[in-house]
Amino acid sequence: MEPVFSMATFQHFYRRLALCKSWLLQHAGKKIGLGLSGLLLALSCFAEKKYEPTADFLVNPTLPYSNVDVKLAPGDAAPDFTLPNSQGEKISLSDYKGKQHLLLLFYRGSWCPYCVSQLEDIQNILPRLAQHNVQLLAISKDRDKKSAALAKRFNQPYVFLSDRKLEVAEKYGIKRNMFLPHPALFLIDMQGTVKWFYVNSDYKQRPSPSQIMRVIESLAENPA
């Protein structure tokens, strides 16, 4: 069943408020107009926003990109971890060893429209990831219930994991502060070796699905 107050409805409501703001500032008094400005600022945090695909030259299969102090390099063993999934079950990185390659996607949370738009786009390449035996693990600070809601929304073979204390983000060198990780992607082969990563302190910029597939297909052709 469709939600009563959908994102489309929200966007329409937000635009109407924005159109009213200047009129209210002129005719209804400064206090009411400024109050509406504050409301618009608060609502803008929830307005639908799309991430920006990063520049092609930064997504190089043979050269990982990071503008933060990542603690890993290609060829390193990926730090193992155990985190609860959206059903509360414990999932470890080592569970996949010898079985599947992994794409770790660290995101800020289900509240972040840039993260959600990235997850929405990645849905389109999930069948191609499966063809290359790649499992996507989406990791955030969200509680299990938030992860479960996101999993239900997408209804796709994502595995959502909850890194409440950002201990895994810290292990991988992408902890932004005590509240958030830097959005990041790590490609790990089935032997548990880091093959490639992308980390950008600008949370609005992310690799597009086509850029991600270019990396995966290139590494599949040249596994060494």
C-alpha atoms as a PDB file:
ATOM      1  CA  MET A   1       0.000   0.000   0.000  1.00  0.00           C
ATOM      2  CA  GLU A   2       1.331   3.449  -0.936  1.00  0.00           C
ATOM      3  CA  PRO A   3       2.052   5.796   1.988  1.00  0.00           C
ATOM      4  CA  VAL A   4      -0.490   8.606   2.429  1.00  0.00           C
ATOM      5  CA  PHE A   5       2.268  11.228   2.567  1.00  0.00           C
ATOM      6  CA  SER A   6       4.635  10.221  -0.219  1.00  0.00           C
ATOM      7  CA  MET A   7       7.887  11.908  -1.242  1.00  0.00           C
ATOM      8  CA  ALA A   8       6.094  13.399  -4.264  1.00  0.00           C
ATOM      9  CA  THR A   9       3.480  14.932  -1.959  1.00  0.00           C
ATOM     10  CA  PHE A  10       6.233  16.245   0.288  1.00  0.00           C
ATOM     11  CA  GLN A  11       8.053  17.837  -2.660  1.00  0.00           C
ATOM     12  CA  HIS A  12       4.842  19.537  -3.832  1.00  0.00           C
ATOM     13  CA  PHE A  13       4.157  20.827  -0.299  1.00  0.00           C
ATOM     14  CA  TYR A  14       7.735  22.090   0.043  1.00  0.00           C
ATOM     15  CA  ARG A  15       7.597  23.991  -3.265  1.00  0.00           C
ATOM     16  CA  ARG A  16       4.274  25.608  -2.293  1.00  0.00           C
ATOM     17  CA  LEU A  17       5.761  26.819   0.999  1.00  0.00           C
ATOM     18  CA  ALA A  18       8.778  28.223  -0.805  1.00  0.00           C
ATOM     19  CA  LEU A  19       6.516  30.178  -3.174  1.00  0.00           C
ATOM     20  CA  CYS A  20       4.598  31.613  -0.229  1.00  0.00           C
ATOM     21  CA  LYS A  21       7.680  32.761   1.663  1.00  0.00           C
ATOM     22  CA  SER A  22       8.429  35.979  -0.231  1.00  0.00           C
ATOM     23  CA  TRP A  23       4.753  37.027  -0.203  1.00  0.00           C
ATOM     24  CA  LEU A  24       4.529  36.482   3.556  1.00  0.00           C
ATOM     25  CA  LEU A  25       7.696  38.465   4.181  1.00  0.00           C
ATOM     26  CA  GLN A  26       6.120  41.436   2.360  1.00  0.00           C
ATOM     27  CA  HIS A  27       2.507  41.226   3.533  1.00  0.00           C
ATOM     28  CA  ALA A  28       2.178  39.150   6.702  1.00  0.00           C
ATOM     29  CA  GLY A  29       4.913  40.590   8.856  1.00  0.00           C
ATOM     30  CA  LYS A  30       8.550  39.744   9.348  1.00  0.00           C
ATOM     31  CA  LYS A  31       8.014  37.316  12.244  1.00  0.00           C
ATOM     32  CA  ILE A  32       5.690  35.045  10.265  1.00  0.00           C
ATOM     33  CA  GLY A  33       7.909  35.230   7.186  1.00  0.00           C
ATOM     34  CA  LEU A  34      11.063  34.466   9.132  1.00  0.00           C
ATOM     35  CA  GLY A  35       9.267  31.642  10.921  1.00  0.00           C
ATOM     36  CA  LEU A  36       8.404  30.111   7.581  1.00  0.00           C
ATOM     37  CA  SER A  37      12.029  30.524   6.495  1.00  0.00           C
ATOM     38  CA  GLY A  38      13.083  28.465   9.514  1.00  0.00           C
ATOM     39  CA  LEU A  39      10.489  25.810   8.689  1.00  0.00           C
ATOM     40  CA  LEU A  40      11.721  25.624   5.097  1.00  0.00           C
ATOM     41  CA  LEU A  41      15.304  25.248   6.298  1.00  0.00           C
ATOM     42  CA  ALA A  42      14.294  22.351   8.547  1.00  0.00           C
ATOM     43  CA  LEU A  43      12.225  20.680   5.834  1.00  0.00           C
ATOM     44  CA  SER A  44      15.036  21.045   3.296  1.00  0.00           C
ATOM     45  CA  CYS A  45      17.004  18.461   5.290  1.00  0.00           C
ATOM     46  CA  PHE A  46      14.390  15.896   4.238  1.00  0.00           C
ATOM     47  CA  ALA A  47      13.861  17.079   0.675  1.00  0.00           C
ATOM     48  CA  GLU A  48      14.803  14.550  -1.972  1.00  0.00           C
ATOM     49  CA  LYS A  49      18.406  15.061  -3.041  1.00  0.00           C
ATOM     50  CA  LYS A  50      20.444  13.118  -5.569  1.00  0.00           C
ATOM     51  CA  TYR A  51      24.110  12.291  -5.137  1.00  0.00           C
ATOM     52  CA  GLU A  52      26.558  13.521  -7.776  1.00  0.00           C
ATOM     53  CA  PRO A  53      28.412  10.815  -9.753  1.00  0.00           C
ATOM     54  CA  THR A  54      32.105  11.319  -9.171  1.00  0.00           C
ATOM     55  CA  ALA A  55      34.500  12.225 -11.972  1.00  0.00           C
ATOM     56  CA  ASP A  56      35.436   9.232 -14.141  1.00  0.00           C
ATOM     57  CA  PHE A  57      39.170   9.662 -13.628  1.00  0.00           C
ATOM     58  CA  LEU A  58      38.725   9.156  -9.870  1.00  0.00           C
ATOM     59  CA  VAL A  59      37.145   5.711 -10.366  1.00  0.00           C
ATOM     60  CA  ASN A  60      40.127   3.731 -11.600  1.00  0.00           C
ATOM     61  CA  PRO A  61      40.151  -0.080 -11.231  1.00  0.00           C
ATOM     62  CA  THR A  62      43.936  -0.078 -10.775  1.00  0.00           C
ATOM     63  CA  LEU A  63      44.120   2.935  -8.469  1.00  0.00           C
ATOM     64  CA  PRO A  64      41.870   3.260  -5.406  1.00  0.00           C
ATOM     65  CA  TYR A  65      40.810   6.777  -4.491  1.00  0.00           C
ATOM     66  CA  SER A  66      40.629   8.394  -1.058  1.00  0.00           C
ATOM     67  CA  ASN A  67      41.028  11.926   0.218  1.00  0.00           C
ATOM     68  CA  VAL A  68      40.926  10.763   3.833  1.00  0.00           C
ATOM     69  CA  ASP A  69      43.414   8.668   5.816  1.00  0.00           C
ATOM     70  CA  VAL A  70      42.279   5.156   4.891  1.00  0.00           C
ATOM     71  CA  LYS A  71      44.201   2.536   6.858  1.00  0.00           C
ATOM     72  CA  LEU A  72      44.209  -0.056   4.076  1.00  0.00           C
ATOM     73  CA  ALA A  73      45.844  -0.596   0.701  1.00  0.00           C
ATOM     74  CA  PRO A  74      45.124  -3.048  -2.138  1.00  0.00           C
ATOM     75  CA  GLY A  75      46.545  -6.449  -1.227  1.00  0.00           C
ATOM     76  CA  ASP A  76      45.901  -6.006   2.507  1.00  0.00           C
ATOM     77  CA  ALA A  77      43.738  -8.458   4.381  1.00  0.00           C
ATOM     78  CA  ALA A  78      40.366  -6.831   5.016  1.00  0.00           C
ATOM     79  CA  PRO A  79      39.742  -6.438   8.769  1.00  0.00           C
ATOM     80  CA  ASP A  80      37.209  -8.992   9.929  1.00  0.00           C
ATOM     81  CA  PHE A  81      34.135  -7.876  11.820  1.00  0.00           C
ATOM     82  CA  THR A  82      30.831  -9.148  13.145  1.00  0.00           C
ATOM     83  CA  LEU A  83      27.719  -6.970  13.018  1.00  0.00           C
ATOM     84  CA  PRO A  84      23.967  -7.533  13.367  1.00  0.00           C
ATOM     85  CA  ASN A  85      21.894  -7.518  10.204  1.00  0.00           C
ATOM     86  CA  SER A  86      18.405  -6.029   9.864  1.00  0.00           C
ATOM     87  CA  GLN A  87      16.924  -9.155  11.520  1.00  0.00           C
ATOM     88  CA  GLY A  88      19.353  -8.976  14.445  1.00  0.00           C
ATOM     89  CA  GLU A  89      21.404 -11.956  13.231  1.00  0.00           C
ATOM     90  CA  LYS A  90      25.193 -11.766  13.563  1.00  0.00           C
ATOM     91  CA  ILE A  91      27.026 -11.546  10.242  1.00  0.00           C
ATOM     92  CA  SER A  92      30.811 -11.718   9.902  1.00  0.00           C
ATOM     93  CA  LEU A  93      33.001 -10.751   6.990  1.00  0.00           C
ATOM     94  CA  SER A  94      34.712 -14.135   7.314  1.00  0.00           C
ATOM     95  CA  ASP A  95      31.354 -15.885   6.688  1.00  0.00           C
ATOM     96  CA  TYR A  96      31.857 -15.129   2.991  1.00  0.00           C
ATOM     97  CA  LYS A  97      35.472 -16.264   2.737  1.00  0.00           C
ATOM     98  CA  GLY A  98      35.942 -18.772  -0.064  1.00  0.00           C
ATOM     99  CA  LYS A  99      32.311 -18.269  -1.134  1.00  0.00           C
ATOM    100  CA  GLN A 100      31.701 -14.769  -2.476  1.00  0.00           C
ATOM    101  CA  HIS A 101      33.404 -11.502  -3.264  1.00  0.00           C
ATOM    102  CA  LEU A 102      32.115  -8.547  -1.260  1.00  0.00           C
ATOM    103  CA  LEU A 103      31.265  -4.953  -2.003  1.00  0.00           C
ATOM    104  CA  LEU A 104      31.142  -3.049   1.290  1.00  0.00           C
ATOM    105  CA  LEU A 105      29.075   0.102   1.020  1.00  0.00           C
ATOM    106  CA  PHE A 106      29.412   2.401   4.023  1.00  0.00           C
ATOM    107  CA  TYR A 107      26.623   4.978   4.150  1.00  0.00           C
ATOM    108  CA  ARG A 108      25.647   7.721   6.598  1.00  0.00           C
ATOM    109  CA  GLY A 109      22.157   6.441   7.428  1.00  0.00           C
ATOM    110  CA  SER A 110      18.622   5.971   6.148  1.00  0.00           C
ATOM    111  CA  TRP A 111      17.947   9.638   6.963  1.00  0.00           C
ATOM    112  CA  CYS A 112      20.492  10.761   4.317  1.00  0.00           C
ATOM    113  CA  PRO A 113      18.841  11.384   0.905  1.00  0.00           C
ATOM    114  CA  TYR A 114      22.189  11.096  -0.906  1.00  0.00           C
ATOM    115  CA  CYS A 115      22.723   7.635   0.581  1.00  0.00           C
ATOM    116  CA  VAL A 116      19.208   6.486  -0.237  1.00  0.00           C
ATOM    117  CA  SER A 117      19.487   7.696  -3.831  1.00  0.00           C
ATOM    118  CA  GLN A 118      22.756   5.776  -4.178  1.00  0.00           C
ATOM    119  CA  LEU A 119      21.140   2.599  -2.836  1.00  0.00           C
ATOM    120  CA  GLU A 120      18.209   3.102  -5.206  1.00  0.00           C
ATOM    121  CA  ASP A 121      20.549   3.365  -8.194  1.00  0.00           C
ATOM    122  CA  ILE A 122      22.606   0.338  -7.172  1.00  0.00           C
ATOM    123  CA  GLN A 123      19.451  -1.795  -7.322  1.00  0.00           C
ATOM    124  CA  ASN A 124      19.824  -1.672 -11.104  1.00  0.00           C
ATOM    125  CA  ILE A 125      23.144  -3.534 -11.048  1.00  0.00           C
ATOM    126  CA  LEU A 126      22.357  -6.163  -8.412  1.00  0.00           C
ATOM    127  CA  PRO A 127      21.764  -8.883 -11.055  1.00  0.00           C
ATOM    128  CA  ARG A 128      25.139  -8.054 -12.628  1.00  0.00           C
ATOM    129  CA  LEU A 129      26.819  -8.156  -9.219  1.00  0.00           C
ATOM    130  CA  ALA A 130      25.310 -11.617  -8.721  1.00  0.00           C
ATOM    131  CA  GLN A 131      26.725 -12.719 -12.098  1.00  0.00           C
ATOM    132  CA  HIS A 132      30.183 -11.837 -10.784  1.00  0.00           C
ATOM    133  CA  ASN A 133      29.452 -13.556  -7.443  1.00  0.00           C
ATOM    134  CA  VAL A 134      29.590 -10.246  -5.563  1.00  0.00           C
ATOM    135  CA  GLN A 135      27.472  -9.742  -2.431  1.00  0.00           C
ATOM    136  CA  LEU A 136      26.738  -6.183  -1.326  1.00  0.00           C
ATOM    137  CA  LEU A 137      26.943  -5.407   2.406  1.00  0.00           C
ATOM    138  CA  ALA A 138      25.472  -1.985   3.272  1.00  0.00           C
ATOM    139  CA  ILE A 139      26.871  -0.719   6.581  1.00  0.00           C
ATOM    140  CA  SER A 140      25.692   2.257   8.629  1.00  0.00           C
ATOM    141  CA  LYS A 141      25.199   3.444  12.197  1.00  0.00           C
ATOM    142  CA  ASP A 142      21.451   2.821  11.893  1.00  0.00           C
ATOM    143  CA  ARG A 143      19.755   0.650  14.479  1.00  0.00           C
ATOM    144  CA  ASP A 144      18.401  -2.739  13.430  1.00  0.00           C
ATOM    145  CA  LYS A 145      14.855  -1.363  13.089  1.00  0.00           C
ATOM    146  CA  LYS A 146      15.965   1.428  10.744  1.00  0.00           C
ATOM    147  CA  SER A 147      17.933  -1.076   8.665  1.00  0.00           C
ATOM    148  CA  ALA A 148      14.920  -3.392   8.589  1.00  0.00           C
ATOM    149  CA  ALA A 149      12.702  -0.573   7.303  1.00  0.00           C
ATOM    150  CA  LEU A 150      15.205   0.216   4.554  1.00  0.00           C
ATOM    151  CA  ALA A 151      15.525  -3.472   3.653  1.00  0.00           C
ATOM    152  CA  LYS A 152      11.732  -3.719   3.401  1.00  0.00           C
ATOM    153  CA  ARG A 153      11.595  -0.597   1.246  1.00  0.00           C
ATOM    154  CA  PHE A 154      14.046  -1.970  -1.315  1.00  0.00           C
ATOM    155  CA  ASN A 155      13.081  -5.652  -1.056  1.00  0.00           C
ATOM    156  CA  GLN A 156      16.344  -6.548  -2.776  1.00  0.00           C
ATOM    157  CA  PRO A 157      19.227  -8.901  -1.863  1.00  0.00           C
ATOM    158  CA  TYR A 158      21.023  -6.220   0.113  1.00  0.00           C
ATOM    159  CA  VAL A 159      22.509  -7.201   3.460  1.00  0.00           C
ATOM    160  CA  PHE A 160      22.107  -4.236   5.822  1.00  0.00           C
ATOM    161  CA  LEU A 161      24.456  -4.215   8.820  1.00  0.00           C
ATOM    162  CA  SER A 162      24.419  -1.996  11.891  1.00  0.00           C
ATOM    163  CA  ASP A 163      27.759  -0.506  13.018  1.00  0.00           C
ATOM    164  CA  ARG A 164      26.336   1.367  16.011  1.00  0.00           C
ATOM    165  CA  LYS A 165      29.686   2.353  17.559  1.00  0.00           C
ATOM    166  CA  LEU A 166      31.414   2.923  14.207  1.00  0.00           C
ATOM    167  CA  GLU A 167      34.022   0.348  15.201  1.00  0.00           C
ATOM    168  CA  VAL A 168      34.135  -1.131  11.702  1.00  0.00           C
ATOM    169  CA  ALA A 169      34.301   2.332  10.125  1.00  0.00           C
ATOM    170  CA  GLU A 170      37.261   3.047  12.389  1.00  0.00           C
ATOM    171  CA  LYS A 171      38.987  -0.225  11.446  1.00  0.00           C
ATOM    172  CA  TYR A 172      38.731   0.745   7.789  1.00  0.00           C
ATOM    173  CA  GLY A 173      39.912   4.302   8.433  1.00  0.00           C
ATOM    174  CA  ILE A 174      36.716   6.004   7.295  1.00  0.00           C
ATOM    175  CA  LYS A 175      35.268   7.276  10.575  1.00  0.00           C
ATOM    176  CA  ARG A 176      34.423  10.936   9.947  1.00  0.00           C
ATOM    177  CA  ASN A 177      33.586  11.795  13.562  1.00  0.00           C
ATOM    178  CA  MET A 178      31.844  10.228  16.545  1.00  0.00           C
ATOM    179  CA  PHE A 179      28.517  10.275  14.689  1.00  0.00           C
ATOM    180  CA  LEU A 180      29.232   9.420  11.046  1.00  0.00           C
ATOM    181  CA  PRO A 181      31.411   7.451   8.653  1.00  0.00           C
ATOM    182  CA  HIS A 182      32.640   8.827   5.370  1.00  0.00           C
ATOM    183  CA  PRO A 183      30.595   7.259   2.561  1.00  0.00           C
ATOM    184  CA  ALA A 184      32.832   4.584   1.062  1.00  0.00           C
ATOM    185  CA  LEU A 185      33.058   1.504  -1.132  1.00  0.00           C
ATOM    186  CA  PHE A 186      35.484  -1.399  -0.591  1.00  0.00           C
ATOM    187  CA  LEU A 187      35.772  -4.317  -2.987  1.00  0.00           C
ATOM    188  CA  ILE A 188      37.039  -7.459  -1.253  1.00  0.00           C
ATOM    189  CA  ASP A 189      37.728 -10.755  -3.010  1.00  0.00           C
ATOM    190  CA  MET A 190      36.579 -14.113  -1.677  1.00  0.00           C
ATOM    191  CA  GLN A 191      39.969 -14.679  -0.056  1.00  0.00           C
ATOM    192  CA  GLY A 192      39.370 -11.610   2.127  1.00  0.00           C
ATOM    193  CA  THR A 193      41.836  -9.348   0.288  1.00  0.00           C
ATOM    194  CA  VAL A 194      41.178  -5.668  -0.385  1.00  0.00           C
ATOM    195  CA  LYS A 195      41.155  -5.155  -4.167  1.00  0.00           C
ATOM    196  CA  TRP A 196      39.887  -1.583  -4.537  1.00  0.00           C
ATOM    197  CA  PHE A 197      38.209   1.233  -2.633  1.00  0.00           C
ATOM    198  CA  TYR A 198      36.696   4.675  -3.056  1.00  0.00           C
ATOM    199  CA  VAL A 199      36.358   7.145  -0.160  1.00  0.00           C
ATOM    200  CA  ASN A 200      35.418  10.800  -0.526  1.00  0.00           C
ATOM    201  CA  SER A 201      35.022  13.351   2.264  1.00  0.00           C
ATOM    202  CA  ASP A 202      32.430  15.083   0.051  1.00  0.00           C
ATOM    203  CA  TYR A 203      29.381  13.019   0.986  1.00  0.00           C
ATOM    204  CA  LYS A 204      27.454  14.288  -2.050  1.00  0.00           C
ATOM    205  CA  GLN A 205      29.799  12.615  -4.522  1.00  0.00           C
ATOM    206  CA  ARG A 206      29.583   8.838  -5.050  1.00  0.00           C
ATOM    207  CA  PRO A 207      30.528   6.432  -7.850  1.00  0.00           C
ATOM    208  CA  SER A 208      27.623   5.690 -10.156  1.00  0.00           C
ATOM    209  CA  PRO A 209      26.450   2.108 -10.789  1.00  0.00           C
ATOM    210  CA  SER A 210      28.131   2.097 -14.218  1.00  0.00           C
ATOM    211  CA  GLN A 211      31.419   3.242 -12.669  1.00  0.00           C
ATOM    212  CA  ILE A 212      31.185   0.535 -10.018  1.00  0.00           C
ATOM    213  CA  MET A 213      30.549  -2.134 -12.650  1.00  0.00           C
ATOM    214  CA  ARG A 214      33.493  -0.923 -14.697  1.00  0.00           C
ATOM    215  CA  VAL A 215      35.755  -1.538 -11.699  1.00  0.00           C
ATOM    216  CA  ILE A 216      34.285  -4.965 -10.927  1.00  0.00           C
ATOM    217  CA  GLU A 217      34.427  -6.159 -14.538  1.00  0.00           C
ATOM    218  CA  SER A 218      37.969  -4.905 -14.962  1.00  0.00           C
ATOM    219  CA  LEU A 219      39.124  -6.710 -11.835  1.00  0.00           C
ATOM    220  CA  ALA A 220      37.287  -9.856 -12.905  1.00  0.00           C
ATOM    221  CA  GLU A 221      39.241  -9.812 -16.181  1.00  0.00           C
ATOM    222  CA  ASN A 222      42.536  -9.070 -14.394  1.00  0.00           C
ATOM    223  CA  PRO A 223      42.259 -10.748 -10.966  1.00  0.00           C
ATOM    224  CA  ALA A 224      45.951 -10.560 -10.076  1.00  0.00           C
END
